[in-house]
């Protein structure tokens, strides 16, 4: 699911800063598909239960998604 975002290399620096700062990335800052992937990763900040964190860690969803994002900006 791409939601119409262009599948271009790299990420938007604002999205990287927002992810590092801790809040969920704002949809209006997303420019490319890799930004949307960062948004999905940032959803971890909205988890409220230990069991959810445990399952996320066990299933490796974050690592799997992060592996699809090129490190070059």
PDB file of N, CA and C in Angstrom:
ATOM      1  N   UNK A   1       0.844  -1.171   0.000  1.00  0.00           N
ATOM      2  CA  UNK A   1       0.000   0.000   0.000  1.00  0.00           C
ATOM      3  C   UNK A   1       0.890   1.234   0.000  1.00  0.00           C
ATOM      4  N   UNK A   2       0.770   2.054  -1.007  1.00  0.00           N
ATOM      5  CA  UNK A   2       1.634   3.221  -1.133  1.00  0.00           C
ATOM      6  C   UNK A   2       0.906   4.543  -0.915  1.00  0.00           C
ATOM      7  N   UNK A   3      -0.399   4.519  -0.909  1.00  0.00           N
ATOM      8  CA  UNK A   3      -1.218   5.716  -0.726  1.00  0.00           C
ATOM      9  C   UNK A   3      -0.887   6.825  -1.727  1.00  0.00           C
ATOM     10  N   UNK A   4      -0.325   6.443  -2.855  1.00  0.00           N
ATOM     11  CA  UNK A   4      -0.018   7.424  -3.884  1.00  0.00           C
ATOM     12  C   UNK A   4       1.296   8.158  -3.699  1.00  0.00           C
ATOM     13  N   UNK A   5       2.054   7.839  -2.673  1.00  0.00           N
ATOM     14  CA  UNK A   5       3.356   8.487  -2.481  1.00  0.00           C
ATOM     15  C   UNK A   5       4.339   7.933  -3.502  1.00  0.00           C
ATOM     16  N   UNK A   6       5.167   8.788  -4.102  1.00  0.00           N
ATOM     17  CA  UNK A   6       6.129   8.299  -5.089  1.00  0.00           C
ATOM     18  C   UNK A   6       7.188   7.403  -4.438  1.00  0.00           C
ATOM     19  N   UNK A   7       7.537   6.332  -5.125  1.00  0.00           N
ATOM     20  CA  UNK A   7       8.545   5.388  -4.626  1.00  0.00           C
ATOM     21  C   UNK A   7       9.913   5.843  -5.101  1.00  0.00           C
ATOM     22  N   UNK A   8      10.418   6.890  -4.458  1.00  0.00           N
ATOM     23  CA  UNK A   8      11.720   7.469  -4.788  1.00  0.00           C
ATOM     24  C   UNK A   8      12.726   7.084  -3.712  1.00  0.00           C
ATOM     25  N   UNK A   9      14.015   7.090  -4.045  1.00  0.00           N
ATOM     26  CA  UNK A   9      15.016   6.755  -3.025  1.00  0.00           C
ATOM     27  C   UNK A   9      15.113   7.839  -1.950  1.00  0.00           C
ATOM     28  N   UNK A  10      15.564   7.428  -0.786  1.00  0.00           N
ATOM     29  CA  UNK A  10      15.801   8.369   0.297  1.00  0.00           C
ATOM     30  C   UNK A  10      14.575   8.648   1.138  1.00  0.00           C
ATOM     31  N   UNK A  11      14.773   9.513   2.107  1.00  0.00           N
ATOM     32  CA  UNK A  11      13.722   9.921   3.045  1.00  0.00           C
ATOM     33  C   UNK A  11      13.796  11.429   3.233  1.00  0.00           C
ATOM     34  N   UNK A  12      12.712  12.009   3.713  1.00  0.00           N
ATOM     35  CA  UNK A  12      12.675  13.434   3.985  1.00  0.00           C
ATOM     36  C   UNK A  12      13.310  13.694   5.354  1.00  0.00           C
ATOM     37  N   UNK A  13      14.295  14.587   5.432  1.00  0.00           N
ATOM     38  CA  UNK A  13      14.970  14.847   6.711  1.00  0.00           C
ATOM     39  C   UNK A  13      14.006  15.196   7.848  1.00  0.00           C
ATOM     40  N   UNK A  14      12.934  15.904   7.572  1.00  0.00           N
ATOM     41  CA  UNK A  14      11.971  16.257   8.627  1.00  0.00           C
ATOM     42  C   UNK A  14      11.361  15.005   9.242  1.00  0.00           C
ATOM     43  N   UNK A  15      11.103  13.999   8.450  1.00  0.00           N
ATOM     44  CA  UNK A  15      10.519  12.757   8.969  1.00  0.00           C
ATOM     45  C   UNK A  15      11.516  12.016   9.859  1.00  0.00           C
ATOM     46  N   UNK A  16      12.774  12.026   9.467  1.00  0.00           N
ATOM     47  CA  UNK A  16      13.811  11.386  10.280  1.00  0.00           C
ATOM     48  C   UNK A  16      13.928  12.106  11.624  1.00  0.00           C
ATOM     49  N   UNK A  17      13.910  13.433  11.593  1.00  0.00           N
ATOM     50  CA  UNK A  17      13.998  14.206  12.845  1.00  0.00           C
ATOM     51  C   UNK A  17      12.799  13.921  13.748  1.00  0.00           C
ATOM     52  N   UNK A  18      11.609  13.864  13.155  1.00  0.00           N
ATOM     53  CA  UNK A  18      10.417  13.595  13.957  1.00  0.00           C
ATOM     54  C   UNK A  18      10.457  12.203  14.570  1.00  0.00           C
ATOM     55  N   UNK A  19      10.925  11.222  13.814  1.00  0.00           N
ATOM     56  CA  UNK A  19      11.025   9.863  14.346  1.00  0.00           C
ATOM     57  C   UNK A  19      12.011   9.820  15.507  1.00  0.00           C
ATOM     58  N   UNK A  20      13.135  10.502  15.372  1.00  0.00           N
ATOM     59  CA  UNK A  20      14.147  10.531  16.430  1.00  0.00           C
ATOM     60  C   UNK A  20      13.646  11.262  17.677  1.00  0.00           C
ATOM     61  N   UNK A  21      12.777  12.242  17.486  1.00  0.00           N
ATOM     62  CA  UNK A  21      12.275  13.039  18.609  1.00  0.00           C
ATOM     63  C   UNK A  21      11.197  12.304  19.406  1.00  0.00           C
ATOM     64  N   UNK A  22      10.586  11.316  18.808  1.00  0.00           N
ATOM     65  CA  UNK A  22       9.636  10.511  19.577  1.00  0.00           C
ATOM     66  C   UNK A  22       8.175  10.600  19.215  1.00  0.00           C
ATOM     67  N   UNK A  23       7.675  11.707  18.715  1.00  0.00           N
ATOM     68  CA  UNK A  23       6.241  11.698  18.399  1.00  0.00           C
ATOM     69  C   UNK A  23       5.987  10.955  17.098  1.00  0.00           C
ATOM     70  N   UNK A  24       4.751  10.644  16.877  1.00  0.00           N
ATOM     71  CA  UNK A  24       4.372  10.045  15.612  1.00  0.00           C
ATOM     72  C   UNK A  24       4.598  11.070  14.502  1.00  0.00           C
ATOM     73  N   UNK A  25       5.134  10.629  13.392  1.00  0.00           N
ATOM     74  CA  UNK A  25       5.402  11.518  12.259  1.00  0.00           C
ATOM     75  C   UNK A  25       4.081  12.057  11.719  1.00  0.00           C
ATOM     76  N   UNK A  26       4.075  13.335  11.407  1.00  0.00           N
ATOM     77  CA  UNK A  26       2.852  13.972  10.891  1.00  0.00           C
ATOM     78  C   UNK A  26       2.670  13.636   9.420  1.00  0.00           C
ATOM     79  N   UNK A  27       1.461  13.289   9.041  1.00  0.00           N
ATOM     80  CA  UNK A  27       1.151  12.905   7.671  1.00  0.00           C
ATOM     81  C   UNK A  27       1.494  14.008   6.679  1.00  0.00           C
ATOM     82  N   UNK A  28       1.333  15.256   7.077  1.00  0.00           N
ATOM     83  CA  UNK A  28       1.623  16.365   6.157  1.00  0.00           C
ATOM     84  C   UNK A  28       3.112  16.512   5.840  1.00  0.00           C
ATOM     85  N   UNK A  29       3.992  15.846   6.595  1.00  0.00           N
ATOM     86  CA  UNK A  29       5.430  15.911   6.323  1.00  0.00           C
ATOM     87  C   UNK A  29       5.897  14.815   5.369  1.00  0.00           C
ATOM     88  N   UNK A  30       5.043  13.879   5.049  1.00  0.00           N
ATOM     89  CA  UNK A  30       5.419  12.752   4.203  1.00  0.00           C
ATOM     90  C   UNK A  30       5.428  13.177   2.737  1.00  0.00           C
ATOM     91  N   UNK A  31       6.540  12.879   2.074  1.00  0.00           N
ATOM     92  CA  UNK A  31       6.696  13.244   0.667  1.00  0.00           C
ATOM     93  C   UNK A  31       6.865  12.017  -0.244  1.00  0.00           C
ATOM     94  N   UNK A  32       7.515  10.967   0.271  1.00  0.00           N
ATOM     95  CA  UNK A  32       7.810   9.773  -0.533  1.00  0.00           C
ATOM     96  C   UNK A  32       7.417   8.521   0.249  1.00  0.00           C
ATOM     97  N   UNK A  33       7.400   7.387  -0.443  1.00  0.00           N
ATOM     98  CA  UNK A  33       6.988   6.119   0.166  1.00  0.00           C
ATOM     99  C   UNK A  33       7.837   5.765   1.384  1.00  0.00           C
ATOM    100  N   UNK A  34       9.129   6.039   1.334  1.00  0.00           N
ATOM    101  CA  UNK A  34       9.986   5.725   2.484  1.00  0.00           C
ATOM    102  C   UNK A  34       9.606   6.550   3.716  1.00  0.00           C
ATOM    103  N   UNK A  35       9.115   7.753   3.523  1.00  0.00           N
ATOM    104  CA  UNK A  35       8.612   8.555   4.641  1.00  0.00           C
ATOM    105  C   UNK A  35       7.400   7.867   5.267  1.00  0.00           C
ATOM    106  N   UNK A  36       6.535   7.310   4.422  1.00  0.00           N
ATOM    107  CA  UNK A  36       5.359   6.604   4.929  1.00  0.00           C
ATOM    108  C   UNK A  36       5.777   5.388   5.753  1.00  0.00           C
ATOM    109  N   UNK A  37       6.833   4.720   5.336  1.00  0.00           N
ATOM    110  CA  UNK A  37       7.346   3.586   6.114  1.00  0.00           C
ATOM    111  C   UNK A  37       7.850   4.066   7.475  1.00  0.00           C
ATOM    112  N   UNK A  38       8.503   5.227   7.501  1.00  0.00           N
ATOM    113  CA  UNK A  38       8.939   5.794   8.781  1.00  0.00           C
ATOM    114  C   UNK A  38       7.730   6.120   9.657  1.00  0.00           C
ATOM    115  N   UNK A  39       6.673   6.616   9.045  1.00  0.00           N
ATOM    116  CA  UNK A  39       5.436   6.888   9.785  1.00  0.00           C
ATOM    117  C   UNK A  39       4.923   5.607  10.434  1.00  0.00           C
ATOM    118  N   UNK A  40       4.909   4.521   9.677  1.00  0.00           N
ATOM    119  CA  UNK A  40       4.448   3.254  10.233  1.00  0.00           C
ATOM    120  C   UNK A  40       5.329   2.812  11.398  1.00  0.00           C
ATOM    121  N   UNK A  41       6.628   3.011  11.278  1.00  0.00           N
ATOM    122  CA  UNK A  41       7.532   2.675  12.383  1.00  0.00           C
ATOM    123  C   UNK A  41       7.235   3.557  13.585  1.00  0.00           C
ATOM    124  N   UNK A  42       6.909   4.821  13.352  1.00  0.00           N
ATOM    125  CA  UNK A  42       6.653   5.740  14.468  1.00  0.00           C
ATOM    126  C   UNK A  42       5.387   5.381  15.250  1.00  0.00           C
ATOM    127  N   UNK A  43       4.530   4.560  14.674  1.00  0.00           N
ATOM    128  CA  UNK A  43       3.322   4.142  15.389  1.00  0.00           C
ATOM    129  C   UNK A  43       3.649   3.398  16.675  1.00  0.00           C
ATOM    130  N   UNK A  44       4.874   2.910  16.797  1.00  0.00           N
ATOM    131  CA  UNK A  44       5.272   2.210  18.015  1.00  0.00           C
ATOM    132  C   UNK A  44       5.119   3.122  19.234  1.00  0.00           C
ATOM    133  N   UNK A  45       5.238   4.444  19.023  1.00  0.00           N
ATOM    134  CA  UNK A  45       5.089   5.381  20.129  1.00  0.00           C
ATOM    135  C   UNK A  45       3.651   5.437  20.656  1.00  0.00           C
ATOM    136  N   UNK A  46       2.701   4.943  19.885  1.00  0.00           N
ATOM    137  CA  UNK A  46       1.302   4.922  20.316  1.00  0.00           C
ATOM    138  C   UNK A  46       0.887   3.618  20.988  1.00  0.00           C
ATOM    139  N   UNK A  47       1.789   2.666  21.083  1.00  0.00           N
ATOM    140  CA  UNK A  47       1.454   1.408  21.756  1.00  0.00           C
ATOM    141  C   UNK A  47       1.345   1.653  23.256  1.00  0.00           C
ATOM    142  N   UNK A  48       0.368   1.028  23.866  1.00  0.00           N
ATOM    143  CA  UNK A  48       0.120   1.281  25.287  1.00  0.00           C
ATOM    144  C   UNK A  48       0.282   0.063  26.185  1.00  0.00           C
ATOM    145  N   UNK A  49       0.537  -1.087  25.598  1.00  0.00           N
ATOM    146  CA  UNK A  49       0.594  -2.303  26.399  1.00  0.00           C
ATOM    147  C   UNK A  49       1.916  -3.032  26.192  1.00  0.00           C
ATOM    148  N   UNK A  50       2.457  -3.556  27.276  1.00  0.00           N
ATOM    149  CA  UNK A  50       3.711  -4.311  27.189  1.00  0.00           C
ATOM    150  C   UNK A  50       3.592  -5.488  26.236  1.00  0.00           C
ATOM    151  N   UNK A  51       2.448  -6.126  26.246  1.00  0.00           N
ATOM    152  CA  UNK A  51       2.264  -7.280  25.365  1.00  0.00           C
ATOM    153  C   UNK A  51       2.359  -6.863  23.894  1.00  0.00           C
ATOM    154  N   UNK A  52       1.917  -5.669  23.571  1.00  0.00           N
ATOM    155  CA  UNK A  52       2.015  -5.185  22.191  1.00  0.00           C
ATOM    156  C   UNK A  52       3.480  -4.981  21.811  1.00  0.00           C
ATOM    157  N   UNK A  53       4.271  -4.395  22.704  1.00  0.00           N
ATOM    158  CA  UNK A  53       5.700  -4.229  22.437  1.00  0.00           C
ATOM    159  C   UNK A  53       6.378  -5.586  22.279  1.00  0.00           C
ATOM    160  N   UNK A  54       6.020  -6.509  23.157  1.00  0.00           N
ATOM    161  CA  UNK A  54       6.617  -7.842  23.116  1.00  0.00           C
ATOM    162  C   UNK A  54       6.319  -8.526  21.783  1.00  0.00           C
ATOM    163  N   UNK A  55       5.071  -8.481  21.368  1.00  0.00           N
ATOM    164  CA  UNK A  55       4.692  -9.104  20.101  1.00  0.00           C
ATOM    165  C   UNK A  55       5.374  -8.433  18.912  1.00  0.00           C
ATOM    166  N   UNK A  56       5.458  -7.129  18.951  1.00  0.00           N
ATOM    167  CA  UNK A  56       6.122  -6.399  17.880  1.00  0.00           C
ATOM    168  C   UNK A  56       7.590  -6.817  17.782  1.00  0.00           C
ATOM    169  N   UNK A  57       8.243  -6.934  18.921  1.00  0.00           N
ATOM    170  CA  UNK A  57       9.644  -7.344  18.969  1.00  0.00           C
ATOM    171  C   UNK A  57       9.800  -8.792  18.497  1.00  0.00           C
ATOM    172  N   UNK A  58       8.952  -9.677  18.991  1.00  0.00           N
ATOM    173  CA  UNK A  58       9.042 -11.096  18.634  1.00  0.00           C
ATOM    174  C   UNK A  58       8.820 -11.331  17.147  1.00  0.00           C
ATOM    175  N   UNK A  59       7.906 -10.611  16.577  1.00  0.00           N
ATOM    176  CA  UNK A  59       7.555 -10.824  15.166  1.00  0.00           C
ATOM    177  C   UNK A  59       8.480 -10.081  14.205  1.00  0.00           C
ATOM    178  N   UNK A  60       9.268  -9.149  14.723  1.00  0.00           N
ATOM    179  CA  UNK A  60      10.271  -8.461  13.914  1.00  0.00           C
ATOM    180  C   UNK A  60       9.719  -7.509  12.867  1.00  0.00           C
ATOM    181  N   UNK A  61       8.515  -7.012  13.083  1.00  0.00           N
ATOM    182  CA  UNK A  61       7.900  -6.136  12.079  1.00  0.00           C
ATOM    183  C   UNK A  61       8.692  -4.848  11.841  1.00  0.00           C
ATOM    184  N   UNK A  62       9.195  -4.244  12.901  1.00  0.00           N
ATOM    185  CA  UNK A  62       9.940  -2.986  12.751  1.00  0.00           C
ATOM    186  C   UNK A  62      11.219  -3.223  11.950  1.00  0.00           C
ATOM    187  N   UNK A  63      11.957  -4.263  12.299  1.00  0.00           N
ATOM    188  CA  UNK A  63      13.195  -4.564  11.588  1.00  0.00           C
ATOM    189  C   UNK A  63      12.917  -4.901  10.123  1.00  0.00           C
ATOM    190  N   UNK A  64      11.846  -5.626   9.888  1.00  0.00           N
ATOM    191  CA  UNK A  64      11.470  -6.009   8.532  1.00  0.00           C
ATOM    192  C   UNK A  64      11.144  -4.763   7.684  1.00  0.00           C
ATOM    193  N   UNK A  65      10.371  -3.858   8.255  1.00  0.00           N
ATOM    194  CA  UNK A  65      10.019  -2.639   7.543  1.00  0.00           C
ATOM    195  C   UNK A  65      11.234  -1.733   7.360  1.00  0.00           C
ATOM    196  N   UNK A  66      12.030  -1.590   8.407  1.00  0.00           N
ATOM    197  CA  UNK A  66      13.230  -0.732   8.343  1.00  0.00           C
ATOM    198  C   UNK A  66      14.217  -1.236   7.284  1.00  0.00           C
ATOM    199  N   UNK A  67      14.281  -2.544   7.088  1.00  0.00           N
ATOM    200  CA  UNK A  67      15.195  -3.117   6.103  1.00  0.00           C
ATOM    201  C   UNK A  67      14.839  -2.713   4.681  1.00  0.00           C
ATOM    202  N   UNK A  68      13.625  -2.237   4.454  1.00  0.00           N
ATOM    203  CA  UNK A  68      13.207  -1.834   3.105  1.00  0.00           C
ATOM    204  C   UNK A  68      13.488  -0.360   2.821  1.00  0.00           C
ATOM    205  N   UNK A  69      13.996   0.361   3.821  1.00  0.00           N
ATOM    206  CA  UNK A  69      14.261   1.795   3.669  1.00  0.00           C
ATOM    207  C   UNK A  69      15.750   2.015   3.430  1.00  0.00           C
ATOM    208  N   UNK A  70      16.115   2.577   2.269  1.00  0.00           N
ATOM    209  CA  UNK A  70      17.529   2.859   2.029  1.00  0.00           C
ATOM    210  C   UNK A  70      18.038   3.923   2.988  1.00  0.00           C
ATOM    211  N   UNK A  71      19.263   3.784   3.418  1.00  0.00           N
ATOM    212  CA  UNK A  71      19.822   4.726   4.405  1.00  0.00           C
ATOM    213  C   UNK A  71      20.208   6.057   3.792  1.00  0.00           C
ATOM    214  N   UNK A  72      20.377   6.119   2.507  1.00  0.00           N
ATOM    215  CA  UNK A  72      20.782   7.361   1.847  1.00  0.00           C
ATOM    216  C   UNK A  72      19.615   8.345   1.840  1.00  0.00           C
ATOM    217  N   UNK A  73      19.919   9.610   2.133  1.00  0.00           N
ATOM    218  CA  UNK A  73      18.907  10.663   2.125  1.00  0.00           C
ATOM    219  C   UNK A  73      19.022  11.478   0.867  1.00  0.00           C
TER     220      UNK A  73
END
